[in-house]
PDB file of N, CA and C in Angstrom:
ATOM      1  N   MET A   1       0.500  -1.100   0.020  1.00  0.00           N
ATOM      2  CA  MET A   1      -0.245   0.540  -0.353  1.00  0.00           C
ATOM      3  C   MET A   1       1.315   1.117  -0.153  1.00  0.00           C
ATOM      4  N   GLU A   2       2.197   0.818   0.494  1.00  0.00           N
ATOM      5  CA  GLU A   2       2.675   2.356   0.644  1.00  0.00           C
ATOM      6  C   GLU A   2       3.332   2.786  -1.006  1.00  0.00           C
ATOM      7  N   HIS A   3       4.012   1.851  -1.562  1.00  0.00           N
ATOM      8  CA  HIS A   3       3.679   1.712  -3.392  1.00  0.00           C
ATOM      9  C   HIS A   3       2.212   2.980  -4.052  1.00  0.00           C
ATOM     10  N   ALA A   4       1.215   2.563  -3.541  1.00  0.00           N
ATOM     11  CA  ALA A   4      -0.187   3.312  -3.512  1.00  0.00           C
ATOM     12  C   ALA A   4       0.294   4.851  -3.553  1.00  0.00           C
ATOM     13  N   GLU A   5       0.505   4.582  -2.595  1.00  0.00           N
ATOM     14  CA  GLU A   5       0.393   6.417  -1.376  1.00  0.00           C
ATOM     15  C   GLU A   5       1.603   6.948  -2.485  1.00  0.00           C
ATOM     16  N   LEU A   6       2.683   6.529  -2.358  1.00  0.00           N
ATOM     17  CA  LEU A   6       4.020   7.335  -3.002  1.00  0.00           C
ATOM     18  C   LEU A   6       3.391   7.706  -4.838  1.00  0.00           C
ATOM     19  N   ILE A   7       2.991   6.816  -5.284  1.00  0.00           N
ATOM     20  CA  ILE A   7       2.408   7.007  -6.668  1.00  0.00           C
ATOM     21  C   ILE A   7       1.651   8.495  -6.568  1.00  0.00           C
ATOM     22  N   GLY A   8       0.604   8.019  -5.406  1.00  0.00           N
ATOM     23  CA  GLY A   8      -0.210   9.148  -5.903  1.00  0.00           C
ATOM     24  C   GLY A   8       0.058  10.496  -5.292  1.00  0.00           C
ATOM     25  N   GLN A   9       1.000  10.789  -3.906  1.00  0.00           N
ATOM     26  CA  GLN A   9       1.885  11.691  -3.908  1.00  0.00           C
ATOM     27  C   GLN A   9       2.492  12.385  -4.873  1.00  0.00           C
ATOM     28  N   ALA A  10       2.993  11.555  -5.935  1.00  0.00           N
ATOM     29  CA  ALA A  10       4.010  12.107  -6.637  1.00  0.00           C
ATOM     30  C   ALA A  10       3.276  12.921  -8.027  1.00  0.00           C
ATOM     31  N   GLY A  11       2.073  12.786  -8.021  1.00  0.00           N
ATOM     32  CA  GLY A  11       0.849  13.240  -9.007  1.00  0.00           C
ATOM     33  C   GLY A  11      -0.125  12.385  -9.547  1.00  0.00           C
ATOM     34  N   ASP A  12       0.037  11.372  -9.602  1.00  0.00           N
ATOM     35  CA  ASP A  12      -0.994   9.898 -10.540  1.00  0.00           C
ATOM     36  C   ASP A  12      -1.844   9.990  -9.740  1.00  0.00           C
ATOM     37  N   ALA A  13      -2.772  10.549  -9.143  1.00  0.00           N
ATOM     38  CA  ALA A  13      -3.881   9.780  -9.004  1.00  0.00           C
ATOM     39  C   ALA A  13      -4.657   8.831  -9.087  1.00  0.00           C
ATOM     40  N   HIS A  14      -5.057   9.099 -10.534  1.00  0.00           N
ATOM     41  CA  HIS A  14      -5.834   7.539 -10.597  1.00  0.00           C
ATOM     42  C   HIS A  14      -4.657   6.735 -11.320  1.00  0.00           C
ATOM     43  N   GLY A  15      -3.168   6.577 -10.857  1.00  0.00           N
ATOM     44  CA  GLY A  15      -2.657   5.573 -11.061  1.00  0.00           C
ATOM     45  C   GLY A  15      -2.672   4.974  -9.475  1.00  0.00           C
ATOM     46  N   ALA A  16      -2.588   5.558  -8.827  1.00  0.00           N
ATOM     47  CA  ALA A  16      -2.752   5.507  -6.739  1.00  0.00           C
ATOM     48  C   ALA A  16      -4.196   4.419  -6.974  1.00  0.00           C
ATOM     49  N   ALA A  17      -4.970   5.086  -7.190  1.00  0.00           N
ATOM     50  CA  ALA A  17      -6.571   4.388  -7.416  1.00  0.00           C
ATOM     51  C   ALA A  17      -6.408   2.819  -8.224  1.00  0.00           C
ATOM     52  N   GLN A  18      -5.731   2.783  -9.082  1.00  0.00           N
ATOM     53  CA  GLN A  18      -5.387   1.613 -10.123  1.00  0.00           C
ATOM     54  C   GLN A  18      -5.007   0.686  -9.290  1.00  0.00           C
ATOM     55  N   LEU A  19      -3.484   1.333  -7.948  1.00  0.00           N
ATOM     56  CA  LEU A  19      -2.792   0.126  -7.158  1.00  0.00           C
ATOM     57  C   LEU A  19      -3.478  -0.026  -6.339  1.00  0.00           C
ATOM     58  N   TYR A  20      -4.389   0.483  -5.567  1.00  0.00           N
ATOM     59  CA  TYR A  20      -5.163   0.064  -4.355  1.00  0.00           C
ATOM     60  C   TYR A  20      -6.387  -0.764  -5.031  1.00  0.00           C
ATOM     61  N   ARG A  21      -7.074  -0.776  -6.478  1.00  0.00           N
ATOM     62  CA  ARG A  21      -7.954  -1.643  -6.475  1.00  0.00           C
ATOM     63  C   ARG A  21      -7.528  -2.560  -6.265  1.00  0.00           C
ATOM     64  N   ARG A  22      -5.929  -3.254  -7.124  1.00  0.00           N
ATOM     65  CA  ARG A  22      -5.622  -4.546  -7.406  1.00  0.00           C
ATOM     66  C   ARG A  22      -5.049  -5.104  -6.361  1.00  0.00           C
ATOM     67  N   LEU A  23      -5.042  -3.840  -4.979  1.00  0.00           N
ATOM     68  CA  LEU A  23      -4.548  -4.507  -3.792  1.00  0.00           C
ATOM     69  C   LEU A  23      -5.612  -5.147  -2.980  1.00  0.00           C
ATOM     70  N   ALA A  24      -6.774  -4.321  -3.168  1.00  0.00           N
ATOM     71  CA  ALA A  24      -8.289  -5.248  -2.542  1.00  0.00           C
ATOM     72  C   ALA A  24      -8.350  -6.292  -3.114  1.00  0.00           C
ATOM     73  N   GLN A  25      -8.052  -6.249  -4.285  1.00  0.00           N
ATOM     74  CA  GLN A  25      -8.205  -7.706  -4.782  1.00  0.00           C
ATOM     75  C   GLN A  25      -7.718  -9.014  -4.562  1.00  0.00           C
ATOM     76  N   ASP A  26      -6.102  -8.476  -4.288  1.00  0.00           N
ATOM     77  CA  ASP A  26      -5.433  -9.530  -4.023  1.00  0.00           C
ATOM     78  C   ASP A  26      -5.879 -10.023  -2.757  1.00  0.00           C
ATOM     79  N   HIS A  27      -6.296  -9.173  -1.699  1.00  0.00           N
ATOM     80  CA  HIS A  27      -6.700  -9.541  -0.227  1.00  0.00           C
ATOM     81  C   HIS A  27      -7.774 -10.189  -0.248  1.00  0.00           C
ATOM     82  N   GLN A  28      -8.579  -9.737  -1.363  1.00  0.00           N
ATOM     83  CA  GLN A  28      -9.764 -10.767  -1.137  1.00  0.00           C
ATOM     84  C   GLN A  28      -9.254 -12.289  -1.141  1.00  0.00           C
ATOM     85  N   GLU A  29      -8.730 -12.346  -2.322  1.00  0.00           N
ATOM     86  CA  GLU A  29      -8.361 -13.795  -2.534  1.00  0.00           C
ATOM     87  C   GLU A  29      -8.052 -14.319  -2.247  1.00  0.00           C
ATOM     88  N   ALA A  30      -6.555 -13.926  -1.179  1.00  0.00           N
ATOM     89  CA  ALA A  30      -5.845 -14.393  -0.516  1.00  0.00           C
ATOM     90  C   ALA A  30      -6.435 -14.637   1.343  1.00  0.00           C
ATOM     91  N   PHE A  31      -7.360 -13.550   1.662  1.00  0.00           N
ATOM     92  CA  PHE A  31      -7.982 -13.132   3.063  1.00  0.00           C
ATOM     93  C   PHE A  31      -9.179 -13.491   3.126  1.00  0.00           C
ATOM     94  N   GLY A  32      -9.959 -13.168   1.998  1.00  0.00           N
ATOM     95  CA  GLY A  32     -11.472 -13.003   1.942  1.00  0.00           C
ATOM     96  C   GLY A  32     -11.829 -11.561   1.987  1.00  0.00           C
ATOM     97  N   ARG A  33     -13.090 -11.819   1.897  1.00  0.00           N
ATOM     98  CA  ARG A  33     -13.780 -10.749   1.880  1.00  0.00           C
ATOM     99  C   ARG A  33     -13.426  -9.438   2.438  1.00  0.00           C
ATOM    100  N   GLY A  34     -13.946 -10.027   3.662  1.00  0.00           N
ATOM    101  CA  GLY A  34     -13.855  -8.700   5.064  1.00  0.00           C
ATOM    102  C   GLY A  34     -12.146  -8.924   5.426  1.00  0.00           C
ATOM    103  N   SER A  35     -11.467  -8.984   5.174  1.00  0.00           N
ATOM    104  CA  SER A  35      -9.924  -8.866   5.829  1.00  0.00           C
ATOM    105  C   SER A  35      -9.899  -7.155   5.336  1.00  0.00           C
ATOM    106  N   ARG A  36      -9.091  -6.791   6.807  1.00  0.00           N
ATOM    107  CA  ARG A  36      -8.248  -5.652   6.672  1.00  0.00           C
ATOM    108  C   ARG A  36      -7.906  -4.649   6.277  1.00  0.00           C
ATOM    109  N   GLY A  37      -7.102  -6.023   5.295  1.00  0.00           N
ATOM    110  CA  GLY A  37      -6.203  -5.238   4.220  1.00  0.00           C
ATOM    111  C   GLY A  37      -7.283  -4.505   2.784  1.00  0.00           C
ATOM    112  N   ARG A  38      -8.232  -5.591   2.228  1.00  0.00           N
ATOM    113  CA  ARG A  38      -9.203  -5.463   1.431  1.00  0.00           C
ATOM    114  C   ARG A  38      -9.872  -4.048   1.519  1.00  0.00           C
ATOM    115  N   LEU A  39     -10.647  -3.883   3.206  1.00  0.00           N
ATOM    116  CA  LEU A  39     -11.083  -2.476   3.365  1.00  0.00           C
ATOM    117  C   LEU A  39     -10.180  -1.675   3.420  1.00  0.00           C
ATOM    118  N   ASP A  40      -8.998  -1.915   3.559  1.00  0.00           N
ATOM    119  CA  ASP A  40      -8.037  -0.300   3.972  1.00  0.00           C
ATOM    120  C   ASP A  40      -7.616  -0.353   2.342  1.00  0.00           C
ATOM    121  N   ALA A  41      -7.329  -0.854   1.622  1.00  0.00           N
ATOM    122  CA  ALA A  41      -7.384  -0.950  -0.012  1.00  0.00           C
ATOM    123  C   ALA A  41      -8.481   0.058  -0.113  1.00  0.00           C
ATOM    124  N   PHE A  42      -9.513  -0.153  -0.082  1.00  0.00           N
ATOM    125  CA  PHE A  42     -10.472   0.434  -0.810  1.00  0.00           C
ATOM    126  C   PHE A  42     -11.070   1.635  -0.363  1.00  0.00           C
ATOM    127  N   GLN A  43     -10.681   2.356   1.075  1.00  0.00           N
ATOM    128  CA  GLN A  43     -10.438   2.940   1.321  1.00  0.00           C
ATOM    129  C   GLN A  43      -9.618   4.090   0.997  1.00  0.00           C
ATOM    130  N   GLY A  44      -8.335   3.672   0.210  1.00  0.00           N
ATOM    131  CA  GLY A  44      -7.293   4.335  -0.583  1.00  0.00           C
ATOM    132  C   GLY A  44      -7.845   4.188  -1.460  1.00  0.00           C
ATOM    133  N   GLU A  45      -8.582   3.632  -2.435  1.00  0.00           N
ATOM    134  CA  GLU A  45      -9.070   3.563  -3.709  1.00  0.00           C
ATOM    135  C   GLU A  45      -9.846   4.768  -3.592  1.00  0.00           C
ATOM    136  N   SER A  46     -10.879   5.003  -2.564  1.00  0.00           N
ATOM    137  CA  SER A  46     -11.577   6.235  -2.925  1.00  0.00           C
ATOM    138  C   SER A  46     -11.210   7.529  -2.609  1.00  0.00           C
ATOM    139  N   ARG A  47     -10.324   7.233  -1.865  1.00  0.00           N
ATOM    140  CA  ARG A  47      -9.493   8.693  -1.410  1.00  0.00           C
ATOM    141  C   ARG A  47      -8.402   9.220  -3.124  1.00  0.00           C
ATOM    142  N   TRP A  48      -8.035   8.031  -3.447  1.00  0.00           N
ATOM    143  CA  TRP A  48      -7.222   8.793  -4.694  1.00  0.00           C
ATOM    144  C   TRP A  48      -8.648   8.842  -6.164  1.00  0.00           C
ATOM    145  N   ILE A  49      -9.366   8.032  -6.128  1.00  0.00           N
ATOM    146  CA  ILE A  49     -10.420   8.403  -6.681  1.00  0.00           C
ATOM    147  C   ILE A  49     -11.397   9.931  -6.472  1.00  0.00           C
ATOM    148  N   SER A  50     -11.569  10.152  -5.434  1.00  0.00           N
ATOM    149  CA  SER A  50     -11.768  11.235  -5.437  1.00  0.00           C
ATOM    150  C   SER A  50     -10.972  12.651  -5.370  1.00  0.00           C
ATOM    151  N   ARG A  51      -9.402  12.351  -5.166  1.00  0.00           N
ATOM    152  CA  ARG A  51      -8.469  13.517  -5.666  1.00  0.00           C
ATOM    153  C   ARG A  51      -8.345  13.466  -6.749  1.00  0.00           C
ATOM    154  N   ALA A  52      -8.827  12.830  -8.173  1.00  0.00           N
ATOM    155  CA  ALA A  52      -8.246  12.390  -9.540  1.00  0.00           C
ATOM    156  C   ALA A  52      -9.335  13.102  -9.870  1.00  0.00           C
ATOM    157  N   ALA A  53     -10.531  13.216  -9.536  1.00  0.00           N
ATOM    158  CA  ALA A  53     -11.633  14.025  -9.716  1.00  0.00           C
ATOM    159  C   ALA A  53     -11.544  15.326  -9.774  1.00  0.00           C
ATOM    160  N   GLU A  54     -10.631  15.831  -8.529  1.00  0.00           N
ATOM    161  CA  GLU A  54     -10.210  16.914  -7.948  1.00  0.00           C
ATOM    162  C   GLU A  54      -9.293  17.789  -8.980  1.00  0.00           C
ATOM    163  N   GLN A  55      -8.812  16.525  -9.669  1.00  0.00           N
ATOM    164  CA  GLN A  55      -7.961  17.448 -10.241  1.00  0.00           C
ATOM    165  C   GLN A  55      -8.160  17.432 -12.189  1.00  0.00           C
ATOM    166  N   ALA A  56      -8.847  16.882 -12.223  1.00  0.00           N
ATOM    167  CA  ALA A  56      -9.254  16.259 -13.376  1.00  0.00           C
ATOM    168  C   ALA A  56     -10.616  17.742 -13.973  1.00  0.00           C
ATOM    169  N   ALA A  57     -11.571  18.459 -12.562  1.00  0.00           N
ATOM    170  CA  ALA A  57     -12.121  19.530 -12.610  1.00  0.00           C
ATOM    171  C   ALA A  57     -10.948  20.972 -12.469  1.00  0.00           C
ATOM    172  N   GLN A  58      -9.838  20.922 -11.846  1.00  0.00           N
ATOM    173  CA  GLN A  58      -9.128  22.141 -12.078  1.00  0.00           C
ATOM    174  C   GLN A  58      -9.172  22.520 -13.503  1.00  0.00           C
ATOM    175  N   GLN A  59      -8.887  21.322 -14.276  1.00  0.00           N
ATOM    176  CA  GLN A  59      -8.102  21.458 -15.394  1.00  0.00           C
ATOM    177  C   GLN A  59      -9.055  21.721 -16.724  1.00  0.00           C
ATOM    178  N   GLU A  60     -10.090  21.824 -15.975  1.00  0.00           N
ATOM    179  CA  GLU A  60     -11.344  22.273 -17.090  1.00  0.00           C
ATOM    180  C   GLU A  60     -11.292  23.897 -16.990  1.00  0.00           C
TER     181      GLU A  60
END
């Protein structure tokens, strides 16, 4: 998850969201739907999706 955060902090909000989505899928496959890692990854994904939308709005 640190890698996804670093990608987002470097300015690639969309890339960070994609990495978090993949992490959520991986956690689900390995530990089940209710795993803490899966839920944390979904939270990170939603945070970076929001930031990507903000960046897109600023460019308009």
